[in-house]
N, C-alpha and C. Protein backbone atom coordinates (compact mmCIF):
# COMPACT_ATOMS: atom_id res chain seq x y z
N UNK A 1 157.67 96.27 -147.72
CA UNK A 1 157.28 95.76 -146.46
C UNK A 1 157.43 94.32 -146.23
N UNK A 2 157.58 93.48 -147.64
CA UNK A 2 158.44 92.30 -147.54
C UNK A 2 159.83 92.19 -146.63
N UNK A 3 160.71 93.36 -146.86
CA UNK A 3 162.00 93.05 -146.01
C UNK A 3 161.92 92.97 -144.63
N UNK A 4 160.78 94.08 -144.12
CA UNK A 4 160.22 94.45 -142.54
C UNK A 4 159.85 93.03 -142.09
N UNK A 5 158.86 92.27 -142.98
CA UNK A 5 158.48 90.94 -142.43
C UNK A 5 159.73 89.59 -142.51
N UNK A 6 160.33 89.76 -143.64
CA UNK A 6 161.69 88.90 -143.14
C UNK A 6 162.50 89.50 -142.15
N UNK A 7 162.49 90.64 -141.86
CA UNK A 7 163.54 90.96 -140.81
C UNK A 7 162.92 90.48 -139.83
N UNK A 8 161.69 90.50 -139.27
CA UNK A 8 161.19 89.74 -138.28
C UNK A 8 161.27 88.42 -137.71
N UNK A 9 161.95 87.77 -138.81
CA UNK A 9 162.09 86.27 -138.65
C UNK A 9 163.31 86.00 -138.31
N UNK A 10 163.98 86.96 -137.18
CA UNK A 10 165.49 86.47 -137.07
C UNK A 10 165.53 85.66 -136.06
N UNK A 11 166.81 85.12 -135.81
CA UNK A 11 167.16 84.30 -134.69
C UNK A 11 166.30 84.53 -133.36
N UNK A 12 166.33 85.82 -132.92
CA UNK A 12 165.78 86.24 -131.65
C UNK A 12 164.57 86.08 -131.85
N UNK A 13 163.81 85.70 -132.52
CA UNK A 13 162.26 85.45 -132.65
C UNK A 13 162.35 83.70 -132.76
N UNK A 14 162.93 83.05 -133.29
CA UNK A 14 163.08 81.84 -133.23
C UNK A 14 163.23 81.37 -131.62
N UNK A 15 164.35 82.29 -131.38
CA UNK A 15 164.37 81.62 -129.78
C UNK A 15 163.32 81.94 -128.95
N UNK A 16 162.27 82.95 -129.14
CA UNK A 16 161.32 82.90 -128.29
C UNK A 16 160.39 82.12 -128.25
N UNK A 17 160.42 81.04 -129.31
CA UNK A 17 159.31 79.74 -129.66
C UNK A 17 159.74 78.78 -128.61
N UNK A 18 160.88 78.81 -127.83
CA UNK A 18 161.79 77.65 -127.05
C UNK A 18 160.86 78.12 -125.77
N UNK A 19 160.58 76.60 -124.84
CA UNK A 19 159.69 76.85 -123.58
C UNK A 19 160.57 77.42 -122.35
N UNK A 20 161.90 77.65 -122.69
CA UNK A 20 162.75 78.56 -121.69
C UNK A 20 163.57 79.80 -122.25
N UNK A 21 164.08 80.51 -121.16
CA UNK A 21 164.40 81.53 -121.67
C UNK A 21 165.28 82.14 -120.28
N UNK A 22 166.68 81.54 -119.97
CA UNK A 22 167.24 81.93 -119.01
C UNK A 22 168.57 82.69 -119.49
N UNK A 23 169.26 83.60 -119.14
CA UNK A 23 170.69 84.13 -119.27
C UNK A 23 171.43 83.17 -118.96
N UNK A 24 172.48 82.31 -119.49
CA UNK A 24 173.36 81.77 -119.09
C UNK A 24 174.71 82.84 -118.61
N UNK A 25 175.40 82.75 -117.38
CA UNK A 25 175.85 83.36 -116.99
C UNK A 25 177.44 82.83 -117.30
N UNK A 26 178.63 83.88 -117.39
CA UNK A 26 179.86 83.56 -117.67
C UNK A 26 180.40 82.17 -117.05
N UNK A 27 181.28 81.45 -117.54
CA UNK A 27 181.62 80.23 -116.66
C UNK A 27 183.51 80.42 -117.22
N UNK A 28 184.22 80.68 -116.62
CA UNK A 28 185.71 80.94 -117.06
C UNK A 28 186.07 79.31 -116.32
N UNK A 29 187.21 78.70 -116.84
CA UNK A 29 187.16 77.49 -116.96
C UNK A 29 188.66 76.89 -117.83
N UNK A 30 189.02 75.81 -117.57
CA UNK A 30 190.00 74.96 -118.37
C UNK A 30 189.30 73.96 -118.75
N UNK A 31 189.53 73.41 -120.40
CA UNK A 31 189.28 72.29 -120.81
C UNK A 31 190.29 71.16 -120.96
N UNK A 32 189.76 70.00 -121.47
CA UNK A 32 190.49 68.61 -121.37
C UNK A 32 192.02 69.02 -121.53
N UNK A 33 192.43 69.83 -122.51
CA UNK A 33 193.86 70.31 -122.73
C UNK A 33 194.57 71.26 -121.70
N UNK A 34 193.68 71.45 -120.58
CA UNK A 34 194.45 72.48 -120.12
C UNK A 34 194.43 73.94 -120.27
N UNK A 35 193.70 74.22 -121.47
CA UNK A 35 193.71 75.57 -122.16
C UNK A 35 192.53 76.59 -121.42
N UNK A 36 192.55 77.85 -121.00
CA UNK A 36 191.46 78.47 -120.56
C UNK A 36 190.81 79.01 -121.38
N UNK A 37 189.58 78.54 -120.89
CA UNK A 37 188.38 79.06 -121.89
C UNK A 37 187.14 79.84 -121.17
N UNK A 38 186.39 80.33 -121.79
CA UNK A 38 185.50 81.07 -121.55
C UNK A 38 184.28 80.66 -121.94
N UNK A 39 183.08 79.95 -121.45
CA UNK A 39 181.46 79.69 -121.92
C UNK A 39 181.37 80.45 -123.18
N UNK A 40 180.94 81.63 -122.76
CA UNK A 40 180.69 82.88 -123.97
C UNK A 40 181.76 82.41 -125.23
N UNK A 41 182.59 82.00 -125.33
CA UNK A 41 183.69 81.88 -126.34
C UNK A 41 183.49 80.74 -127.01
N UNK A 42 182.91 79.58 -126.45
CA UNK A 42 182.74 78.30 -127.19
C UNK A 42 181.22 78.68 -127.79
N UNK A 43 180.47 79.75 -127.05
CA UNK A 43 179.24 79.81 -127.59
C UNK A 43 178.92 80.77 -128.48
N UNK A 44 180.09 81.44 -128.66
CA UNK A 44 180.08 82.62 -129.66
C UNK A 44 179.88 81.83 -131.07
N UNK A 45 179.02 82.30 -131.54
CA UNK A 45 178.56 81.92 -133.31
C UNK A 45 178.27 80.39 -133.40
N UNK A 46 177.79 79.76 -131.86
CA UNK A 46 177.33 78.48 -132.43
C UNK A 46 176.25 78.10 -131.20
N UNK A 47 175.72 77.22 -131.34
CA UNK A 47 174.55 76.71 -130.56
C UNK A 47 175.49 75.80 -129.72
N UNK A 48 174.94 75.72 -127.97
CA UNK A 48 175.58 74.90 -127.37
C UNK A 48 174.97 74.09 -126.74
N UNK A 49 175.10 72.50 -126.77
CA UNK A 49 174.63 71.48 -126.07
C UNK A 49 175.45 71.10 -124.39
N UNK A 50 174.81 71.21 -123.50
CA UNK A 50 175.75 71.56 -122.40
C UNK A 50 175.06 70.12 -121.72
N UNK A 51 176.02 69.44 -121.01
CA UNK A 51 175.62 68.63 -119.64
C UNK A 51 176.70 68.48 -118.57
N UNK A 52 175.99 68.23 -117.37
CA UNK A 52 177.23 68.44 -115.92
C UNK A 52 177.40 66.67 -115.88
N UNK A 53 178.68 66.54 -115.54
CA UNK A 53 178.89 65.29 -115.19
C UNK A 53 180.09 65.40 -114.03
N UNK A 54 180.72 64.46 -113.58
CA UNK A 54 181.82 64.34 -112.96
C UNK A 54 182.34 62.69 -113.09
N UNK A 55 183.43 62.56 -113.46
CA UNK A 55 184.45 61.44 -114.11
C UNK A 55 184.19 60.17 -112.76
N UNK A 56 184.07 60.34 -111.66
CA UNK A 56 183.85 58.90 -110.68
C UNK A 56 182.43 58.94 -110.18
N UNK A 57 181.44 59.21 -110.96
CA UNK A 57 179.78 59.24 -110.93
C UNK A 57 179.88 57.57 -111.24
N UNK A 58 179.15 56.85 -110.31
CA UNK A 58 178.39 55.91 -110.37
C UNK A 58 177.32 55.47 -110.57
N UNK A 59 176.58 56.03 -111.23
CA UNK A 59 175.24 55.87 -111.89
C UNK A 59 175.28 56.62 -113.38
N UNK A 60 174.79 57.89 -113.38
CA UNK A 60 174.19 58.32 -114.65
C UNK A 60 175.12 58.91 -115.79
N UNK A 61 176.41 59.26 -115.33
CA UNK A 61 177.19 60.17 -115.90
C UNK A 61 177.99 59.10 -117.15
N UNK A 62 178.29 57.92 -117.01
CA UNK A 62 178.67 57.29 -117.81
C UNK A 62 177.47 57.36 -119.16
N UNK A 63 176.52 56.68 -119.05
CA UNK A 63 175.58 56.81 -120.09
C UNK A 63 174.98 57.97 -120.84
N UNK A 64 175.20 59.11 -119.83
CA UNK A 64 175.04 60.33 -120.22
C UNK A 64 176.04 60.77 -121.72
N UNK A 65 177.13 60.27 -120.96
CA UNK A 65 178.30 61.02 -121.31
C UNK A 65 178.49 59.68 -123.25
N UNK A 66 177.76 58.55 -122.68
CA UNK A 66 177.87 57.66 -124.18
C UNK A 66 176.82 58.40 -124.98
N UNK A 67 175.34 59.02 -124.43
CA UNK A 67 174.53 59.59 -125.07
C UNK A 67 175.08 60.43 -126.00
N UNK A 68 175.69 61.67 -125.03
CA UNK A 68 176.47 62.83 -125.74
C UNK A 68 177.17 62.20 -126.99
N UNK A 69 178.11 61.43 -126.80
CA UNK A 69 178.70 60.87 -128.01
C UNK A 69 178.00 60.61 -129.09
N UNK A 70 176.81 60.06 -128.55
CA UNK A 70 175.99 59.48 -129.81
C UNK A 70 175.20 60.83 -130.66
N UNK A 71 174.96 61.70 -129.76
CA UNK A 71 174.79 63.27 -130.07
C UNK A 71 175.43 63.78 -131.25
N UNK A 72 176.75 63.58 -130.59
CA UNK A 72 177.61 63.94 -131.40
C UNK A 72 178.22 63.67 -132.84
N UNK A 73 177.58 62.16 -133.09
CA UNK A 73 177.63 61.49 -134.49
C UNK A 73 176.43 62.06 -134.95
N UNK A 74 175.17 62.17 -134.43
CA UNK A 74 174.02 62.67 -134.90
C UNK A 74 174.26 63.85 -135.55
N UNK A 75 174.50 64.59 -134.93
CA UNK A 75 175.09 66.41 -135.55
C UNK A 75 175.75 66.24 -136.75
N UNK A 76 176.77 65.47 -136.63
CA UNK A 76 177.76 65.22 -137.98
C UNK A 76 176.96 64.94 -138.84
N UNK A 77 176.17 63.78 -138.94
CA UNK A 77 175.20 62.95 -140.05
C UNK A 77 174.36 64.38 -140.64
N UNK A 78 173.69 65.11 -139.40
CA UNK A 78 172.86 65.80 -140.17
C UNK A 78 173.70 67.51 -140.75
N UNK A 79 174.97 67.27 -140.78
CA UNK A 79 175.85 68.33 -141.30
C UNK A 79 175.85 69.57 -140.15
N UNK A 80 175.53 69.59 -139.09
CA UNK A 80 175.29 70.78 -138.23
C UNK A 80 176.68 70.89 -137.24
N UNK A 81 177.81 70.08 -137.35
CA UNK A 81 178.90 70.24 -136.55
C UNK A 81 179.58 71.31 -136.50
N UNK A 82 179.77 72.24 -137.54
CA UNK A 82 180.20 73.58 -137.74
C UNK A 82 179.21 74.69 -136.95
N UNK A 83 178.19 74.47 -136.52
CA UNK A 83 177.18 75.45 -135.92
C UNK A 83 176.74 74.89 -134.34
N UNK A 84 177.38 73.75 -133.93
CA UNK A 84 177.19 73.30 -132.49
C UNK A 84 178.43 72.81 -131.77
N UNK A 85 178.45 73.28 -130.51
CA UNK A 85 179.81 72.88 -129.81
C UNK A 85 179.22 72.29 -128.14
N UNK A 86 179.52 71.14 -128.21
CA UNK A 86 179.26 70.28 -127.03
C UNK A 86 179.89 70.41 -125.70
N UNK A 87 179.17 70.81 -124.62
CA UNK A 87 180.14 71.00 -123.27
C UNK A 87 179.65 70.23 -122.50
N UNK A 88 180.70 69.11 -121.90
CA UNK A 88 180.58 68.71 -120.72
C UNK A 88 181.15 69.20 -119.60
N UNK A 89 180.16 69.58 -118.43
CA UNK A 89 180.65 70.61 -117.45
C UNK A 89 180.81 69.77 -115.98
N UNK A 90 182.03 69.87 -115.84
CA UNK A 90 182.46 69.03 -114.53
C UNK A 90 182.14 69.64 -113.21
N UNK A 91 181.08 69.01 -112.65
CA UNK A 91 180.89 69.44 -111.02
C UNK A 91 181.58 69.18 -109.61
N UNK A 92 182.94 68.39 -110.11
CA UNK A 92 183.85 67.94 -108.98
C UNK A 92 184.99 68.30 -109.57
N UNK A 93 185.38 69.62 -109.49
CA UNK A 93 186.62 70.27 -110.13
C UNK A 93 187.73 69.91 -109.33
N UNK A 94 187.82 69.21 -107.92
CA UNK A 94 189.03 69.23 -107.35
C UNK A 94 189.31 67.81 -107.72
N UNK A 95 188.57 66.64 -108.36
CA UNK A 95 188.92 65.43 -108.67
C UNK A 95 189.20 65.37 -110.30
N UNK A 96 188.36 66.10 -110.99
CA UNK A 96 188.31 66.21 -112.59
C UNK A 96 189.40 67.31 -112.86
N UNK A 97 190.85 66.91 -112.79
CA UNK A 97 191.49 67.54 -113.52
C UNK A 97 191.35 67.48 -115.40
N UNK A 98 192.48 68.51 -115.97
CA UNK A 98 192.39 68.27 -117.34
C UNK A 98 192.78 66.96 -117.70
N UNK A 99 193.67 66.45 -117.48
CA UNK A 99 194.26 65.00 -117.60
C UNK A 99 192.88 63.81 -117.13
N UNK A 100 192.39 63.95 -116.29
CA UNK A 100 191.20 62.97 -115.89
C UNK A 100 190.27 63.13 -116.88
N UNK A 101 189.90 64.46 -117.09
CA UNK A 101 188.70 64.69 -118.18
C UNK A 101 188.99 64.02 -119.80
N UNK A 102 190.41 64.12 -119.68
CA UNK A 102 190.94 63.49 -121.32
C UNK A 102 190.74 62.10 -121.25
N UNK A 103 191.28 61.54 -120.18
CA UNK A 103 190.97 59.97 -120.27
C UNK A 103 189.55 59.40 -120.05
N UNK A 104 188.93 60.39 -119.18
CA UNK A 104 187.39 59.95 -119.29
C UNK A 104 186.53 60.11 -120.81
N UNK A 105 187.04 61.20 -121.31
CA UNK A 105 186.58 61.21 -122.64
C UNK A 105 187.04 60.74 -123.76
N UNK A 106 188.09 60.21 -123.67
CA UNK A 106 188.82 59.47 -124.78
C UNK A 106 187.83 57.92 -124.95
N UNK A 107 187.28 57.55 -123.58
CA UNK A 107 186.80 56.23 -123.72
C UNK A 107 185.68 56.18 -124.32
N UNK A 108 185.03 57.52 -124.66
CA UNK A 108 183.74 57.39 -125.35
C UNK A 108 184.27 58.20 -126.85
N UNK A 109 185.43 58.25 -127.38
CA UNK A 109 185.91 58.82 -128.62
C UNK A 109 185.51 59.82 -128.88
N UNK A 110 185.79 61.00 -127.88
CA UNK A 110 184.89 62.68 -127.80
C UNK A 110 185.80 63.05 -129.33
N UNK A 111 185.12 63.89 -130.27
CA UNK A 111 185.99 64.59 -130.92
C UNK A 111 185.75 66.11 -130.57
N UNK A 112 186.97 66.47 -130.10
CA UNK A 112 187.32 67.63 -129.37
C UNK A 112 187.15 69.22 -130.36
N UNK A 113 186.92 68.85 -131.91
CA UNK A 113 186.75 69.97 -132.41
C UNK A 113 185.36 70.46 -132.21
N UNK A 114 184.34 69.66 -131.57
CA UNK A 114 183.16 70.42 -131.36
C UNK A 114 182.68 69.99 -129.82
N UNK A 115 183.81 69.32 -129.19
CA UNK A 115 183.09 68.97 -127.50
C UNK A 115 184.14 69.37 -126.72
N UNK A 116 184.21 69.96 -125.43
CA UNK A 116 184.61 70.36 -124.53
C UNK A 116 184.49 69.59 -123.37
N UNK A 117 185.27 69.39 -122.51
CA UNK A 117 184.95 68.85 -121.08
C UNK A 117 185.65 70.42 -120.20
N UNK A 118 185.25 70.81 -119.22
CA UNK A 118 185.63 71.76 -118.40
C UNK A 118 185.47 71.49 -116.81
N UNK A 119 186.70 72.13 -116.50
CA UNK A 119 186.98 72.15 -115.17
C UNK A 119 187.44 73.45 -114.66
N UNK A 120 188.47 73.33 -113.74
CA UNK A 120 189.18 74.51 -113.24
C UNK A 120 188.60 75.75 -112.51
N UNK A 121 187.57 75.47 -112.04
CA UNK A 121 186.66 76.68 -111.04
C UNK A 121 186.56 75.94 -109.43
N UNK A 122 186.24 76.85 -108.63
CA UNK A 122 185.79 76.24 -107.30
C UNK A 122 184.41 75.31 -107.45
N UNK A 123 184.34 74.05 -106.50
CA UNK A 123 182.96 73.67 -106.47
C UNK A 123 182.04 74.77 -106.10
N UNK A 124 182.19 75.55 -105.24
CA UNK A 124 181.13 76.53 -105.35
C UNK A 124 180.60 77.36 -106.07
N UNK A 125 181.81 77.57 -107.12
CA UNK A 125 181.45 78.33 -108.46
C UNK A 125 180.43 77.64 -109.55
N UNK A 126 180.81 76.26 -109.43
CA UNK A 126 180.17 75.49 -110.33
C UNK A 126 178.50 75.41 -109.58
N UNK A 127 178.80 74.89 -108.73
CA UNK A 127 177.45 74.80 -107.98
C UNK A 127 176.31 75.90 -108.03
N UNK A 128 176.91 77.09 -107.96
CA UNK A 128 176.08 78.49 -108.36
C UNK A 128 175.53 78.78 -109.54
N UNK A 129 176.57 78.39 -110.62
CA UNK A 129 176.54 78.56 -111.93
C UNK A 129 175.42 77.45 -112.64
N UNK A 130 175.50 76.29 -111.86
CA UNK A 130 174.37 75.46 -112.45
C UNK A 130 173.11 75.72 -111.79
N UNK A 131 172.86 76.22 -110.57
CA UNK A 131 171.95 76.84 -109.96
C UNK A 131 171.07 77.81 -110.35
N UNK A 132 171.76 78.61 -110.78
CA UNK A 132 171.51 80.06 -111.24
C UNK A 132 171.29 80.39 -112.93
N UNK A 133 172.16 79.23 -113.69
CA UNK A 133 172.15 79.38 -115.26
C UNK A 133 171.49 78.74 -115.80
N UNK A 134 171.17 77.51 -115.28
CA UNK A 134 170.76 76.28 -115.72
C UNK A 134 169.36 75.94 -114.89
N UNK A 135 169.10 76.48 -113.80
CA UNK A 135 168.08 75.98 -113.38
C UNK A 135 167.92 74.49 -112.75
N UNK A 136 169.56 74.02 -112.21
CA UNK A 136 169.13 72.57 -111.88
C UNK A 136 170.30 72.43 -110.63
N UNK A 137 170.02 71.57 -109.86
CA UNK A 137 170.77 71.45 -108.88
C UNK A 137 172.30 70.88 -109.10
N UNK A 138 173.26 71.23 -108.21
CA UNK A 138 174.30 70.56 -108.09
C UNK A 138 175.13 70.59 -107.06
N UNK A 139 175.34 69.31 -106.37
CA UNK A 139 175.24 69.59 -104.70
C UNK A 139 176.19 68.37 -104.77
N UNK A 140 177.33 68.47 -103.58
CA UNK A 140 178.05 67.00 -103.35
C UNK A 140 177.34 66.32 -102.16
N UNK A 141 177.18 64.81 -102.20
CA UNK A 141 176.21 64.17 -101.19
C UNK A 141 177.05 64.29 -99.74
N UNK A 142 176.57 64.58 -98.93
CA UNK A 142 177.33 64.70 -97.44
C UNK A 142 177.79 63.42 -97.27
N UNK A 143 178.98 63.21 -97.08
CA UNK A 143 179.67 62.20 -96.51
C UNK A 143 179.99 61.01 -97.65
N UNK A 144 179.84 61.55 -98.87
CA UNK A 144 180.22 60.66 -100.12
C UNK A 144 181.27 61.76 -101.12
N UNK A 145 181.63 60.55 -101.97
CA UNK A 145 182.30 61.45 -103.09
C UNK A 145 181.26 61.42 -104.28
N UNK A 146 180.23 61.14 -104.13
CA UNK A 146 179.22 61.42 -105.40
C UNK A 146 178.53 63.17 -104.87
N UNK A 147 177.99 62.93 -106.23
CA UNK A 147 177.05 64.72 -106.42
C UNK A 147 175.84 64.14 -107.20
N UNK A 148 174.88 65.23 -106.50
CA UNK A 148 173.50 65.39 -107.19
C UNK A 148 173.41 66.41 -108.17
N UNK A 149 173.51 65.73 -109.52
CA UNK A 149 173.17 66.92 -110.23
C UNK A 149 172.01 66.49 -111.63
N UNK A 150 171.85 67.54 -112.64
CA UNK A 150 171.03 67.46 -113.71
C UNK A 150 171.41 66.09 -114.51
N UNK A 151 170.55 65.68 -115.07
CA UNK A 151 170.62 64.32 -115.80
C UNK A 151 169.92 64.89 -117.51
N UNK A 152 170.14 66.00 -117.73
CA UNK A 152 169.64 66.77 -118.88
C UNK A 152 170.56 67.19 -120.12
N UNK A 153 170.29 67.09 -121.40
CA UNK A 153 171.07 68.07 -122.10
C UNK A 153 170.72 69.27 -122.47
N UNK A 154 171.14 70.18 -122.22
CA UNK A 154 170.72 71.55 -122.22
C UNK A 154 171.42 72.52 -123.48
N UNK A 155 170.01 73.03 -123.91
CA UNK A 155 170.24 73.60 -125.22
C UNK A 155 170.51 75.46 -125.00
N UNK A 156 171.62 75.69 -125.27
CA UNK A 156 171.96 77.42 -125.39
C UNK A 156 172.03 77.86 -127.01
N UNK A 157 171.28 78.63 -127.01
CA UNK A 157 171.49 79.68 -128.32
C UNK A 157 172.58 80.03 -128.46
N UNK A 158 172.78 81.07 -129.35
CA UNK A 158 173.85 81.68 -129.92
C UNK A 158 174.06 82.88 -129.21
N UNK A 159 172.79 83.39 -128.35
CA UNK A 159 172.35 84.69 -127.76
C UNK A 159 173.04 84.34 -125.95
N UNK A 160 173.50 83.07 -125.99
CA UNK A 160 173.76 82.83 -124.49
C UNK A 160 172.48 82.46 -123.39
N UNK A 161 171.43 82.46 -124.24
CA UNK A 161 170.32 82.38 -123.29
C UNK A 161 169.96 80.39 -123.43
N UNK A 162 169.63 80.00 -122.34
CA UNK A 162 169.19 78.83 -122.05
C UNK A 162 167.71 78.17 -122.40
N UNK A 163 167.75 77.46 -123.70
CA UNK A 163 166.53 77.71 -124.14
C UNK A 163 165.78 76.33 -124.03
N UNK A 164 166.26 75.38 -123.96
CA UNK A 164 165.33 73.78 -123.54
C UNK A 164 166.21 72.88 -123.02
N UNK A 165 165.70 71.88 -122.65
CA UNK A 165 166.42 70.90 -121.53
C UNK A 165 165.76 69.34 -121.91
N UNK A 166 166.57 68.54 -122.32
CA UNK A 166 166.42 67.12 -122.95
C UNK A 166 166.55 66.18 -121.87
N UNK A 167 166.19 64.80 -121.82
CA UNK A 167 166.58 63.88 -121.18
C UNK A 167 167.81 63.43 -121.83
N UNK A 168 168.61 63.30 -120.85
CA UNK A 168 170.23 62.78 -121.19
C UNK A 168 170.37 61.33 -120.89
N UNK A 169 169.81 60.35 -120.07
CA UNK A 169 170.74 59.39 -119.84
C UNK A 169 169.65 58.65 -120.67
N UNK A 170 168.43 58.17 -120.50
CA UNK A 170 167.87 57.22 -120.87
C UNK A 170 166.92 57.63 -122.14
N UNK A 171 167.28 57.33 -123.30
CA UNK A 171 166.73 57.51 -124.42
C UNK A 171 166.37 58.90 -125.41
N UNK A 172 167.44 59.71 -125.07
CA UNK A 172 167.51 60.91 -125.38
C UNK A 172 166.53 61.08 -126.74
N UNK A 173 165.92 62.33 -126.78
CA UNK A 173 165.38 62.67 -128.15
C UNK A 173 165.95 63.02 -128.79
N UNK A 174 167.01 62.38 -129.63
CA UNK A 174 167.77 62.58 -130.42
C UNK A 174 167.33 63.85 -131.80
N UNK A 175 166.44 63.34 -132.44
CA UNK A 175 165.30 63.92 -133.57
C UNK A 175 164.95 65.21 -132.88
N UNK A 176 164.53 65.20 -131.86
CA UNK A 176 163.92 66.84 -131.45
C UNK A 176 165.04 67.65 -131.14
N UNK A 177 166.35 67.06 -130.75
CA UNK A 177 167.54 67.83 -130.31
C UNK A 177 167.99 68.75 -131.83
N UNK A 178 168.03 67.59 -132.60
CA UNK A 178 168.53 68.23 -134.10
C UNK A 178 167.46 68.95 -134.68
N UNK A 179 166.27 68.87 -134.69
CA UNK A 179 165.21 69.57 -135.41
C UNK A 179 165.51 71.03 -134.41
N UNK A 180 165.44 71.02 -133.23
CA UNK A 180 165.53 72.54 -132.88
C UNK A 180 166.60 73.05 -133.02
N UNK A 181 168.04 72.37 -133.14
CA UNK A 181 169.26 72.94 -133.77
C UNK A 181 169.27 73.58 -135.11
N UNK A 182 168.43 72.71 -136.17
CA UNK A 182 168.18 73.10 -137.35
C UNK A 182 167.26 74.38 -137.38
N UNK A 183 166.34 74.48 -136.32
CA UNK A 183 165.37 75.58 -136.23
C UNK A 183 166.41 76.69 -135.76
N UNK A 184 167.26 76.74 -135.03
CA UNK A 184 168.16 78.15 -134.70
C UNK A 184 169.35 78.09 -135.44
N UNK A 185 169.51 77.31 -136.43
CA UNK A 185 170.57 77.85 -137.47
C UNK A 185 170.14 78.59 -138.49
């Protein structure tokens, strides 16, 4: 009987305790090195923390990326780096080439061992992906080189399910994110 009770305490049941439950669709992309990747591969046996950025952003992307770099350090300090992959997804694939993403990410001392910057899809694909899989807007501002997009960090469980979102620009709840990762680990 104890085995049956313990079996009921698996990761799937833990995921049910989170406020969101949205299946994340597949995203085929290239990373900062120009290598083809699939989001499901980055998510395989790992928890994903994702955000949406673009490199010529004039407002929220720089602080979000700096905060993601800080989160990466806190994940390392907690000894969780092997179970988490950070993913920054460009919503401006026409401008954000792998080379551009590499230059941008190096300014934030990104450690690519568990942080990928993605591009290589069409703008229509990424807008639909953000809208459907992350329930968040992503659209070009008419007559501008700027985009409307989420300013959240998104937690995706190993099952490929979006489970939670957190403030990504001002005062991210690092401790809460770490606790949620530990809960899923």
